[in-house]
Amino acid sequence: MSQLVLIRHGESQWNLENRFTGWVDVPLSSKGEQEARDAGKKLRSFRFDCAFTSVLMRAKETLRLVLEEIGQTIIPIEEDKALNERMYGELQGLNKAETAQKYGEQQVKIWRRSFDVPPPGGESLKDTAERVLPYYKNRIRPALLANNKTVLVVAHGNSLRSLVMHLEQLSKETVLELNIPTGAPLWYELDSRGAVSSHRYL
């Protein structure tokens, strides 16, 4: 069986400030750095064959800290913008609470959580999935299925939501309530066809 571990980056500075981040390349907060180290502590029993991450520093730094914690800093790492957070368009940099006051909490929830409604000038989860899933199928899945490999992916809330939706075959309605916490390793066991046989948070 192959094993896949997904981690949303630790808390970023704009997570801390409750801002829409998207493609803005902000660093981890001090809490986020600790979350990454704590995630590493949970993964000390794993031996990863390779890792994948986005090109944004908050994901790359989380990956670096996790690999340092488990003493596996020399494994192959592939960075690709296909795993970047969804682009939030005109909302990027805005405070989420203030945006909810302006547009209404329900509208902001739809922009943040729905499958196919994008924020103004940005990407929907469907748009994000259209770059994440081909990358998963072309790069990550073959790495997983080659001789029962163990693979680590460190990315973002929405890029991982789109991947989890695919792996767990979630509906558009179910994914509306899906939230992936920062720094919490999500483990999957996959069979020889790439279908999920078991999964849980570590």
N, C-alpha and C. Protein backbone atom coordinates (compact mmCIF):
# COMPACT_ATOMS: atom_id res chain seq x y z
N MET A 1 0.84 -1.20 0.00
CA MET A 1 0.00 0.00 0.00
C MET A 1 0.87 1.25 0.00
N SER A 2 0.42 2.27 -0.70
CA SER A 2 1.11 3.56 -0.72
C SER A 2 0.54 4.45 0.37
N GLN A 3 1.37 5.39 0.84
CA GLN A 3 0.93 6.33 1.88
C GLN A 3 1.15 7.76 1.41
N LEU A 4 0.14 8.58 1.62
CA LEU A 4 0.18 9.99 1.27
C LEU A 4 -0.13 10.81 2.51
N VAL A 5 0.72 11.78 2.82
CA VAL A 5 0.47 12.68 3.94
C VAL A 5 0.33 14.09 3.40
N LEU A 6 -0.79 14.73 3.72
CA LEU A 6 -1.05 16.11 3.31
C LEU A 6 -0.94 17.02 4.54
N ILE A 7 -0.27 18.16 4.37
CA ILE A 7 -0.20 19.15 5.45
C ILE A 7 -0.49 20.53 4.88
N ARG A 8 -1.46 21.20 5.47
CA ARG A 8 -1.63 22.63 5.18
C ARG A 8 -0.54 23.38 5.97
N HIS A 9 0.09 24.34 5.31
CA HIS A 9 1.16 25.10 5.96
C HIS A 9 0.73 25.61 7.34
N GLY A 10 1.71 25.85 8.19
CA GLY A 10 1.42 26.45 9.50
C GLY A 10 0.83 27.84 9.34
N GLU A 11 0.31 28.36 10.44
CA GLU A 11 -0.32 29.68 10.41
C GLU A 11 0.62 30.72 9.78
N SER A 12 0.11 31.46 8.80
CA SER A 12 0.90 32.53 8.19
C SER A 12 0.63 33.85 8.92
N GLN A 13 1.42 34.85 8.59
CA GLN A 13 1.23 36.16 9.20
C GLN A 13 -0.15 36.71 8.89
N TRP A 14 -0.64 36.47 7.67
CA TRP A 14 -1.97 36.97 7.31
C TRP A 14 -3.09 36.10 7.83
N ASN A 15 -2.83 34.81 8.08
CA ASN A 15 -3.81 34.02 8.84
C ASN A 15 -4.00 34.66 10.21
N LEU A 16 -2.88 35.01 10.83
CA LEU A 16 -2.90 35.64 12.15
C LEU A 16 -3.69 36.95 12.12
N GLU A 17 -3.51 37.72 11.05
CA GLU A 17 -4.18 39.01 10.92
C GLU A 17 -5.58 38.89 10.31
N ASN A 18 -6.02 37.65 10.05
CA ASN A 18 -7.36 37.37 9.53
C ASN A 18 -7.57 38.03 8.15
N ARG A 19 -6.57 37.94 7.30
CA ARG A 19 -6.65 38.52 5.96
C ARG A 19 -6.73 37.43 4.90
N PHE A 20 -7.40 37.75 3.79
CA PHE A 20 -7.36 36.88 2.63
C PHE A 20 -5.97 36.94 2.02
N THR A 21 -5.35 35.78 1.85
CA THR A 21 -3.95 35.76 1.42
C THR A 21 -3.79 35.39 -0.05
N GLY A 22 -4.34 34.25 -0.46
CA GLY A 22 -4.24 33.85 -1.85
C GLY A 22 -2.80 33.70 -2.31
N TRP A 23 -2.45 34.40 -3.38
CA TRP A 23 -1.12 34.28 -3.97
C TRP A 23 -0.10 35.25 -3.36
N VAL A 24 -0.52 36.09 -2.41
CA VAL A 24 0.45 36.99 -1.77
C VAL A 24 1.41 36.14 -0.95
N ASP A 25 2.71 36.38 -1.13
CA ASP A 25 3.72 35.48 -0.57
C ASP A 25 4.15 35.95 0.82
N VAL A 26 3.33 35.61 1.81
CA VAL A 26 3.60 36.05 3.18
C VAL A 26 4.28 34.93 3.97
N PRO A 27 5.07 35.27 5.00
CA PRO A 27 5.78 34.26 5.77
C PRO A 27 4.89 33.62 6.84
N LEU A 28 5.43 32.59 7.47
CA LEU A 28 4.78 31.99 8.63
C LEU A 28 4.84 32.93 9.82
N SER A 29 3.84 32.85 10.66
CA SER A 29 3.93 33.50 11.97
C SER A 29 4.78 32.62 12.89
N SER A 30 5.12 33.11 14.07
CA SER A 30 5.87 32.28 15.02
C SER A 30 5.05 31.06 15.42
N LYS A 31 3.74 31.22 15.55
CA LYS A 31 2.87 30.07 15.84
C LYS A 31 2.92 29.08 14.69
N GLY A 32 2.93 29.59 13.45
CA GLY A 32 2.98 28.72 12.29
C GLY A 32 4.25 27.91 12.23
N GLU A 33 5.37 28.52 12.61
CA GLU A 33 6.64 27.79 12.67
C GLU A 33 6.55 26.65 13.68
N GLN A 34 5.93 26.93 14.82
CA GLN A 34 5.79 25.88 15.84
C GLN A 34 4.83 24.79 15.37
N GLU A 35 3.76 25.17 14.67
CA GLU A 35 2.84 24.17 14.13
C GLU A 35 3.55 23.23 13.17
N ALA A 36 4.47 23.79 12.35
CA ALA A 36 5.22 22.96 11.42
C ALA A 36 6.11 21.97 12.17
N ARG A 37 6.78 22.46 13.21
CA ARG A 37 7.63 21.56 14.01
C ARG A 37 6.79 20.48 14.70
N ASP A 38 5.62 20.88 15.21
CA ASP A 38 4.74 19.91 15.86
C ASP A 38 4.25 18.85 14.86
N ALA A 39 3.97 19.29 13.63
CA ALA A 39 3.58 18.33 12.59
C ALA A 39 4.70 17.34 12.35
N GLY A 40 5.94 17.85 12.32
CA GLY A 40 7.08 16.97 12.15
C GLY A 40 7.18 15.93 13.26
N LYS A 41 6.92 16.35 14.49
CA LYS A 41 6.98 15.41 15.62
C LYS A 41 6.01 14.25 15.43
N LYS A 42 4.86 14.53 14.82
CA LYS A 42 3.86 13.49 14.58
C LYS A 42 4.26 12.54 13.47
N LEU A 43 5.26 12.92 12.69
CA LEU A 43 5.63 12.15 11.50
C LEU A 43 6.98 11.45 11.66
N ARG A 44 7.48 11.37 12.88
CA ARG A 44 8.82 10.80 13.08
C ARG A 44 8.90 9.32 12.72
N SER A 45 7.79 8.63 12.71
CA SER A 45 7.81 7.21 12.35
C SER A 45 7.75 6.99 10.84
N PHE A 46 7.55 8.05 10.06
CA PHE A 46 7.44 7.92 8.61
C PHE A 46 8.80 8.07 7.95
N ARG A 47 8.98 7.38 6.82
CA ARG A 47 10.16 7.57 5.97
C ARG A 47 9.65 7.94 4.58
N PHE A 48 9.79 9.21 4.25
CA PHE A 48 9.24 9.71 3.00
C PHE A 48 10.22 9.49 1.85
N ASP A 49 9.66 9.11 0.71
CA ASP A 49 10.48 8.93 -0.50
C ASP A 49 10.66 10.23 -1.26
N CYS A 50 9.69 11.13 -1.19
CA CYS A 50 9.79 12.42 -1.85
C CYS A 50 8.72 13.35 -1.30
N ALA A 51 8.81 14.62 -1.67
CA ALA A 51 7.84 15.61 -1.19
C ALA A 51 7.50 16.58 -2.32
N PHE A 52 6.30 17.13 -2.23
CA PHE A 52 5.82 18.12 -3.19
C PHE A 52 5.29 19.32 -2.41
N THR A 53 5.50 20.52 -2.96
CA THR A 53 4.99 21.72 -2.31
C THR A 53 4.74 22.80 -3.35
N SER A 54 4.13 23.90 -2.92
CA SER A 54 3.88 25.02 -3.81
C SER A 54 5.13 25.89 -3.91
N VAL A 55 5.03 27.00 -4.63
CA VAL A 55 6.17 27.90 -4.74
C VAL A 55 6.09 29.04 -3.72
N LEU A 56 5.08 29.01 -2.85
CA LEU A 56 4.89 30.09 -1.87
C LEU A 56 5.64 29.78 -0.58
N MET A 57 6.25 30.82 -0.01
CA MET A 57 7.19 30.60 1.10
C MET A 57 6.55 29.96 2.32
N ARG A 58 5.28 30.20 2.60
CA ARG A 58 4.68 29.64 3.80
C ARG A 58 4.58 28.12 3.71
N ALA A 59 4.37 27.59 2.51
CA ALA A 59 4.35 26.14 2.34
C ALA A 59 5.77 25.58 2.32
N LYS A 60 6.68 26.24 1.61
CA LYS A 60 8.06 25.76 1.52
C LYS A 60 8.73 25.76 2.88
N GLU A 61 8.47 26.79 3.68
CA GLU A 61 9.07 26.87 5.01
C GLU A 61 8.49 25.80 5.94
N THR A 62 7.19 25.55 5.82
CA THR A 62 6.57 24.48 6.61
C THR A 62 7.22 23.15 6.27
N LEU A 63 7.39 22.88 4.98
CA LEU A 63 8.03 21.64 4.56
C LEU A 63 9.45 21.54 5.12
N ARG A 64 10.20 22.63 5.02
CA ARG A 64 11.58 22.62 5.53
C ARG A 64 11.62 22.27 7.02
N LEU A 65 10.74 22.90 7.79
CA LEU A 65 10.73 22.66 9.23
C LEU A 65 10.30 21.23 9.57
N VAL A 66 9.31 20.71 8.83
CA VAL A 66 8.88 19.32 9.04
C VAL A 66 10.03 18.36 8.77
N LEU A 67 10.71 18.54 7.64
CA LEU A 67 11.79 17.63 7.27
C LEU A 67 12.97 17.74 8.24
N GLU A 68 13.23 18.94 8.73
CA GLU A 68 14.28 19.09 9.76
C GLU A 68 13.91 18.31 11.01
N GLU A 69 12.66 18.41 11.40
CA GLU A 69 12.20 17.75 12.63
C GLU A 69 12.32 16.24 12.53
N ILE A 70 12.12 15.67 11.34
CA ILE A 70 12.17 14.22 11.20
C ILE A 70 13.51 13.75 10.63
N GLY A 71 14.44 14.68 10.41
CA GLY A 71 15.78 14.30 9.96
C GLY A 71 15.82 13.72 8.57
N GLN A 72 14.97 14.26 7.68
CA GLN A 72 14.93 13.75 6.30
C GLN A 72 15.05 14.90 5.29
N THR A 73 16.06 15.72 5.46
CA THR A 73 16.19 16.95 4.67
C THR A 73 16.75 16.71 3.26
N ILE A 74 17.18 15.50 2.95
CA ILE A 74 17.79 15.29 1.63
C ILE A 74 16.89 14.53 0.66
N ILE A 75 15.62 14.35 1.00
CA ILE A 75 14.72 13.67 0.06
C ILE A 75 14.43 14.58 -1.13
N PRO A 76 14.08 14.02 -2.29
CA PRO A 76 13.72 14.85 -3.45
C PRO A 76 12.48 15.70 -3.16
N ILE A 77 12.54 16.97 -3.54
CA ILE A 77 11.42 17.91 -3.35
C ILE A 77 11.09 18.56 -4.68
N GLU A 78 9.83 18.57 -5.02
CA GLU A 78 9.37 19.24 -6.24
C GLU A 78 8.44 20.38 -5.87
N GLU A 79 8.75 21.58 -6.34
CA GLU A 79 7.90 22.76 -6.12
C GLU A 79 7.15 23.08 -7.40
N ASP A 80 5.88 23.41 -7.27
CA ASP A 80 5.11 23.77 -8.46
C ASP A 80 3.96 24.71 -8.08
N LYS A 81 3.74 25.71 -8.93
CA LYS A 81 2.67 26.67 -8.66
C LYS A 81 1.29 26.05 -8.80
N ALA A 82 1.21 24.84 -9.37
CA ALA A 82 -0.08 24.15 -9.44
C ALA A 82 -0.65 23.89 -8.05
N LEU A 83 0.24 23.81 -7.04
CA LEU A 83 -0.20 23.55 -5.67
C LEU A 83 -0.42 24.83 -4.87
N ASN A 84 -0.25 25.99 -5.51
CA ASN A 84 -0.47 27.26 -4.81
C ASN A 84 -1.89 27.37 -4.28
N GLU A 85 -2.05 28.22 -3.27
CA GLU A 85 -3.38 28.57 -2.78
C GLU A 85 -4.22 29.14 -3.92
N ARG A 86 -5.52 29.05 -3.78
CA ARG A 86 -6.38 29.70 -4.78
C ARG A 86 -6.14 31.20 -4.77
N MET A 87 -6.31 31.81 -5.92
CA MET A 87 -6.13 33.25 -6.05
C MET A 87 -7.43 33.95 -5.62
N TYR A 88 -7.31 34.84 -4.63
CA TYR A 88 -8.50 35.47 -4.07
C TYR A 88 -8.87 36.79 -4.73
N GLY A 89 -8.16 37.17 -5.78
CA GLY A 89 -8.55 38.34 -6.56
C GLY A 89 -8.63 39.61 -5.74
N GLU A 90 -9.75 40.31 -5.85
CA GLU A 90 -9.91 41.61 -5.20
C GLU A 90 -9.96 41.51 -3.67
N LEU A 91 -10.14 40.30 -3.15
CA LEU A 91 -10.20 40.13 -1.69
C LEU A 91 -8.82 40.02 -1.05
N GLN A 92 -7.78 39.76 -1.84
CA GLN A 92 -6.45 39.55 -1.28
C GLN A 92 -5.99 40.76 -0.47
N GLY A 93 -5.59 40.51 0.76
CA GLY A 93 -5.13 41.57 1.65
C GLY A 93 -6.22 42.15 2.53
N LEU A 94 -7.49 41.86 2.21
CA LEU A 94 -8.60 42.42 3.00
C LEU A 94 -8.83 41.60 4.26
N ASN A 95 -9.25 42.27 5.32
CA ASN A 95 -9.61 41.61 6.56
C ASN A 95 -10.92 40.84 6.36
N LYS A 96 -10.95 39.58 6.80
CA LYS A 96 -12.11 38.74 6.54
C LYS A 96 -13.35 39.23 7.28
N ALA A 97 -13.20 39.69 8.52
CA ALA A 97 -14.35 40.17 9.29
C ALA A 97 -14.92 41.43 8.67
N GLU A 98 -14.06 42.34 8.23
CA GLU A 98 -14.52 43.57 7.60
C GLU A 98 -15.20 43.27 6.26
N THR A 99 -14.66 42.30 5.54
CA THR A 99 -15.27 41.91 4.27
C THR A 99 -16.65 41.31 4.49
N ALA A 100 -16.81 40.54 5.57
CA ALA A 100 -18.11 39.96 5.89
C ALA A 100 -19.12 41.05 6.27
N GLN A 101 -18.66 42.08 6.95
CA GLN A 101 -19.54 43.20 7.28
C GLN A 101 -20.01 43.92 6.02
N LYS A 102 -19.11 44.04 5.05
CA LYS A 102 -19.41 44.77 3.83
C LYS A 102 -20.34 43.99 2.90
N TYR A 103 -20.04 42.69 2.71
CA TYR A 103 -20.78 41.90 1.72
C TYR A 103 -21.78 40.93 2.34
N GLY A 104 -21.71 40.73 3.66
CA GLY A 104 -22.56 39.76 4.33
C GLY A 104 -21.82 38.45 4.56
N GLU A 105 -22.04 37.86 5.73
CA GLU A 105 -21.32 36.64 6.08
C GLU A 105 -21.62 35.49 5.12
N GLN A 106 -22.87 35.39 4.66
CA GLN A 106 -23.23 34.28 3.78
C GLN A 106 -22.51 34.39 2.44
N GLN A 107 -22.42 35.62 1.89
CA GLN A 107 -21.72 35.80 0.62
C GLN A 107 -20.24 35.46 0.75
N VAL A 108 -19.63 35.90 1.84
CA VAL A 108 -18.21 35.61 2.04
C VAL A 108 -17.99 34.11 2.24
N LYS A 109 -18.90 33.43 2.94
CA LYS A 109 -18.79 31.98 3.09
C LYS A 109 -18.86 31.29 1.74
N ILE A 110 -19.74 31.77 0.87
CA ILE A 110 -19.85 31.19 -0.47
C ILE A 110 -18.55 31.38 -1.24
N TRP A 111 -17.99 32.59 -1.18
CA TRP A 111 -16.71 32.84 -1.85
C TRP A 111 -15.61 31.95 -1.30
N ARG A 112 -15.60 31.74 0.00
CA ARG A 112 -14.51 30.98 0.63
C ARG A 112 -14.69 29.48 0.49
N ARG A 113 -15.92 28.97 0.56
CA ARG A 113 -16.12 27.53 0.72
C ARG A 113 -16.82 26.84 -0.44
N SER A 114 -17.53 27.57 -1.29
CA SER A 114 -18.29 26.89 -2.34
C SER A 114 -17.36 26.30 -3.39
N PHE A 115 -17.89 25.44 -4.22
CA PHE A 115 -17.09 24.75 -5.23
C PHE A 115 -16.85 25.62 -6.46
N ASP A 116 -17.87 26.33 -6.91
CA ASP A 116 -17.75 26.96 -8.24
C ASP A 116 -18.11 28.44 -8.29
N VAL A 117 -18.13 29.12 -7.14
CA VAL A 117 -18.39 30.56 -7.13
C VAL A 117 -17.10 31.28 -6.75
N PRO A 118 -16.47 32.01 -7.70
CA PRO A 118 -15.20 32.68 -7.40
C PRO A 118 -15.43 34.03 -6.72
N PRO A 119 -14.49 34.48 -5.91
CA PRO A 119 -14.53 35.86 -5.44
C PRO A 119 -14.24 36.80 -6.61
N PRO A 120 -14.55 38.07 -6.48
CA PRO A 120 -14.32 39.00 -7.60
C PRO A 120 -12.86 38.98 -8.07
N GLY A 121 -12.65 38.64 -9.34
CA GLY A 121 -11.31 38.64 -9.90
C GLY A 121 -10.44 37.48 -9.48
N GLY A 122 -11.02 36.48 -8.81
CA GLY A 122 -10.22 35.38 -8.29
C GLY A 122 -10.65 34.03 -8.81
N GLU A 123 -10.17 32.98 -8.14
CA GLU A 123 -10.46 31.60 -8.52
C GLU A 123 -11.49 30.98 -7.58
N SER A 124 -12.35 30.15 -8.13
CA SER A 124 -13.21 29.30 -7.31
C SER A 124 -12.42 28.03 -6.95
N LEU A 125 -13.01 27.21 -6.09
CA LEU A 125 -12.39 25.93 -5.78
C LEU A 125 -12.33 25.06 -7.04
N LYS A 126 -13.33 25.17 -7.88
CA LYS A 126 -13.33 24.43 -9.15
C LYS A 126 -12.15 24.85 -10.02
N ASP A 127 -11.89 26.15 -10.09
CA ASP A 127 -10.73 26.65 -10.86
C ASP A 127 -9.43 26.10 -10.27
N THR A 128 -9.34 26.10 -8.95
CA THR A 128 -8.14 25.60 -8.28
C THR A 128 -7.95 24.12 -8.57
N ALA A 129 -9.04 23.36 -8.51
CA ALA A 129 -8.97 21.92 -8.78
C ALA A 129 -8.51 21.64 -10.21
N GLU A 130 -8.81 22.54 -11.13
CA GLU A 130 -8.44 22.32 -12.53
C GLU A 130 -6.94 22.42 -12.76
N ARG A 131 -6.20 22.95 -11.78
CA ARG A 131 -4.73 22.90 -11.88
C ARG A 131 -4.13 21.90 -10.90
N VAL A 132 -4.78 21.72 -9.74
CA VAL A 132 -4.26 20.79 -8.73
C VAL A 132 -4.40 19.33 -9.19
N LEU A 133 -5.56 18.96 -9.69
CA LEU A 133 -5.81 17.54 -9.99
C LEU A 133 -4.98 17.01 -11.15
N PRO A 134 -4.80 17.76 -12.26
CA PRO A 134 -3.88 17.25 -13.29
C PRO A 134 -2.46 17.08 -12.76
N TYR A 135 -2.02 17.99 -11.90
CA TYR A 135 -0.70 17.86 -11.31
C TYR A 135 -0.62 16.62 -10.42
N TYR A 136 -1.66 16.39 -9.62
CA TYR A 136 -1.71 15.19 -8.79
C TYR A 136 -1.63 13.93 -9.65
N LYS A 137 -2.44 13.90 -10.71
CA LYS A 137 -2.51 12.69 -11.54
C LYS A 137 -1.23 12.47 -12.35
N ASN A 138 -0.58 13.56 -12.76
CA ASN A 138 0.61 13.43 -13.61
C ASN A 138 1.91 13.31 -12.83
N ARG A 139 1.97 13.88 -11.62
CA ARG A 139 3.24 13.93 -10.89
C ARG A 139 3.18 13.18 -9.54
N ILE A 140 2.18 13.50 -8.71
CA ILE A 140 2.16 12.94 -7.36
C ILE A 140 1.69 11.48 -7.36
N ARG A 141 0.60 11.21 -8.05
CA ARG A 141 0.05 9.84 -8.06
C ARG A 141 1.04 8.82 -8.62
N PRO A 142 1.72 9.09 -9.74
CA PRO A 142 2.72 8.12 -10.20
C PRO A 142 3.85 7.89 -9.19
N ALA A 143 4.25 8.95 -8.49
CA ALA A 143 5.29 8.80 -7.46
C ALA A 143 4.78 7.92 -6.33
N LEU A 144 3.51 8.05 -5.97
CA LEU A 144 2.92 7.25 -4.90
C LEU A 144 2.86 5.77 -5.26
N LEU A 145 2.43 5.49 -6.49
CA LEU A 145 2.13 4.11 -6.87
C LEU A 145 3.35 3.34 -7.32
N ALA A 146 4.50 4.01 -7.44
CA ALA A 146 5.73 3.32 -7.82
C ALA A 146 6.29 2.57 -6.61
N ASN A 147 6.04 1.27 -6.57
CA ASN A 147 6.58 0.44 -5.48
C ASN A 147 6.16 0.89 -4.09
N ASN A 148 4.89 1.24 -3.95
CA ASN A 148 4.32 1.55 -2.62
C ASN A 148 5.10 2.63 -1.88
N LYS A 149 5.22 3.77 -2.50
CA LYS A 149 5.98 4.87 -1.93
C LYS A 149 5.19 5.60 -0.84
N THR A 150 5.94 6.38 -0.04
CA THR A 150 5.35 7.26 0.97
C THR A 150 5.70 8.69 0.59
N VAL A 151 4.67 9.50 0.36
CA VAL A 151 4.85 10.83 -0.23
C VAL A 151 4.24 11.89 0.69
N LEU A 152 4.93 13.02 0.81
CA LEU A 152 4.48 14.15 1.62
C LEU A 152 4.12 15.32 0.70
N VAL A 153 2.96 15.92 0.91
CA VAL A 153 2.54 17.11 0.16
C VAL A 153 2.23 18.22 1.15
N VAL A 154 2.93 19.34 1.03
CA VAL A 154 2.66 20.50 1.89
C VAL A 154 2.14 21.62 0.98
N ALA A 155 0.92 22.05 1.24
CA ALA A 155 0.31 23.05 0.36
C ALA A 155 -0.59 23.97 1.17
N HIS A 156 -1.78 24.28 0.65
CA HIS A 156 -2.62 25.35 1.18
C HIS A 156 -4.05 24.86 1.41
N GLY A 157 -4.80 25.65 2.14
CA GLY A 157 -6.15 25.25 2.49
C GLY A 157 -7.00 24.83 1.31
N ASN A 158 -7.01 25.64 0.26
CA ASN A 158 -7.90 25.34 -0.87
C ASN A 158 -7.30 24.40 -1.90
N SER A 159 -5.99 24.46 -2.11
CA SER A 159 -5.40 23.46 -3.00
C SER A 159 -5.57 22.06 -2.41
N LEU A 160 -5.45 21.96 -1.08
CA LEU A 160 -5.66 20.67 -0.42
C LEU A 160 -7.14 20.30 -0.35
N ARG A 161 -8.02 21.28 -0.19
CA ARG A 161 -9.47 20.97 -0.21
C ARG A 161 -9.85 20.34 -1.54
N SER A 162 -9.32 20.86 -2.64
CA SER A 162 -9.66 20.31 -3.95
C SER A 162 -9.12 18.89 -4.09
N LEU A 163 -7.94 18.63 -3.52
CA LEU A 163 -7.37 17.29 -3.59
C LEU A 163 -8.14 16.32 -2.69
N VAL A 164 -8.48 16.76 -1.48
CA VAL A 164 -9.26 15.92 -0.57
C VAL A 164 -10.64 15.61 -1.17
N MET A 165 -11.24 16.59 -1.81
CA MET A 165 -12.53 16.37 -2.47
C MET A 165 -12.43 15.23 -3.48
N HIS A 166 -11.32 15.21 -4.23
CA HIS A 166 -11.09 14.15 -5.21
C HIS A 166 -10.82 12.81 -4.53
N LEU A 167 -9.92 12.80 -3.57
CA LEU A 167 -9.52 11.55 -2.92
C LEU A 167 -10.68 10.89 -2.18
N GLU A 168 -11.49 11.72 -1.50
CA GLU A 168 -12.58 11.18 -0.68
C GLU A 168 -13.92 11.19 -1.42
N GLN A 169 -13.88 11.64 -2.68
CA GLN A 169 -15.09 11.68 -3.53
C GLN A 169 -16.23 12.44 -2.85
N LEU A 170 -15.89 13.64 -2.39
CA LEU A 170 -16.87 14.49 -1.71
C LEU A 170 -17.74 15.21 -2.73
N SER A 171 -18.97 15.49 -2.34
CA SER A 171 -19.88 16.24 -3.20
C SER A 171 -19.61 17.74 -3.07
N LYS A 172 -20.17 18.51 -4.01
CA LYS A 172 -20.05 19.97 -3.94
C LYS A 172 -20.66 20.51 -2.65
N GLU A 173 -21.71 19.85 -2.17
CA GLU A 173 -22.37 20.29 -0.95
C GLU A 173 -21.52 19.97 0.28
N THR A 174 -20.91 18.80 0.30
CA THR A 174 -20.10 18.39 1.44
C THR A 174 -18.85 19.25 1.56
N VAL A 175 -18.24 19.58 0.42
CA VAL A 175 -16.99 20.34 0.45
C VAL A 175 -17.20 21.75 0.98
N LEU A 176 -18.44 22.24 0.94
CA LEU A 176 -18.74 23.57 1.48
C LEU A 176 -18.35 23.67 2.95
N GLU A 177 -18.48 22.57 3.69
CA GLU A 177 -18.18 22.56 5.13
C GLU A 177 -16.77 22.06 5.44
N LEU A 178 -16.01 21.71 4.41
CA LEU A 178 -14.68 21.15 4.63
C LEU A 178 -13.67 22.25 4.94
N ASN A 179 -13.04 22.15 6.09
CA ASN A 179 -11.96 23.07 6.45
C ASN A 179 -10.76 22.23 6.89
N ILE A 180 -9.61 22.53 6.33
CA ILE A 180 -8.39 21.81 6.67
C ILE A 180 -7.56 22.68 7.60
N PRO A 181 -7.31 22.26 8.83
CA PRO A 181 -6.59 23.11 9.78
C PRO A 181 -5.11 23.22 9.43
N THR A 182 -4.49 24.30 9.88
CA THR A 182 -3.07 24.50 9.64
C THR A 182 -2.24 23.52 10.46
N GLY A 183 -1.18 23.00 9.82
CA GLY A 183 -0.21 22.18 10.53
C GLY A 183 -0.69 20.84 11.05
N ALA A 184 -1.79 20.31 10.49
CA ALA A 184 -2.34 19.04 10.97
C ALA A 184 -2.16 17.98 9.90
N PRO A 185 -1.23 17.02 10.08
CA PRO A 185 -1.00 16.00 9.05
C PRO A 185 -2.24 15.12 8.81
N LEU A 186 -2.60 15.00 7.54
CA LEU A 186 -3.75 14.19 7.13
C LEU A 186 -3.19 13.00 6.34
N TRP A 187 -3.37 11.80 6.87
CA TRP A 187 -2.75 10.58 6.32
C TRP A 187 -3.75 9.79 5.50
N TYR A 188 -3.28 9.31 4.34
CA TYR A 188 -4.07 8.43 3.47
C TYR A 188 -3.28 7.17 3.16
N GLU A 189 -3.99 6.05 3.13
CA GLU A 189 -3.44 4.81 2.59
C GLU A 189 -4.17 4.53 1.29
N LEU A 190 -3.41 4.24 0.23
CA LEU A 190 -4.00 4.03 -1.09
C LEU A 190 -3.65 2.64 -1.60
N ASP A 191 -4.59 2.04 -2.32
CA ASP A 191 -4.33 0.72 -2.89
C ASP A 191 -3.57 0.85 -4.21
N SER A 192 -3.35 -0.26 -4.88
CA SER A 192 -2.52 -0.27 -6.09
C SER A 192 -3.13 0.52 -7.24
N ARG A 193 -4.42 0.81 -7.16
CA ARG A 193 -5.09 1.61 -8.20
C ARG A 193 -5.13 3.09 -7.84
N GLY A 194 -4.67 3.42 -6.65
CA GLY A 194 -4.69 4.81 -6.21
C GLY A 194 -5.95 5.20 -5.48
N ALA A 195 -6.82 4.23 -5.17
CA ALA A 195 -8.05 4.51 -4.42
C ALA A 195 -7.74 4.51 -2.92
N VAL A 196 -8.41 5.40 -2.19
CA VAL A 196 -8.18 5.52 -0.75
C VAL A 196 -8.80 4.34 -0.02
N SER A 197 -7.99 3.67 0.80
CA SER A 197 -8.52 2.56 1.61
C SER A 197 -8.70 2.97 3.07
N SER A 198 -7.95 4.01 3.49
CA SER A 198 -8.07 4.48 4.87
C SER A 198 -7.52 5.90 4.95
N HIS A 199 -8.03 6.70 5.88
CA HIS A 199 -7.50 8.05 6.06
C HIS A 199 -7.89 8.58 7.44
N ARG A 200 -7.03 9.43 7.98
CA ARG A 200 -7.29 10.06 9.27
C ARG A 200 -6.27 11.15 9.53
N TYR A 201 -6.61 12.06 10.44
CA TYR A 201 -5.65 13.02 10.93
C TYR A 201 -4.72 12.35 11.94
N LEU A 202 -3.47 12.68 11.88
CA LEU A 202 -2.49 12.11 12.81
C LEU A 202 -2.37 12.96 14.07
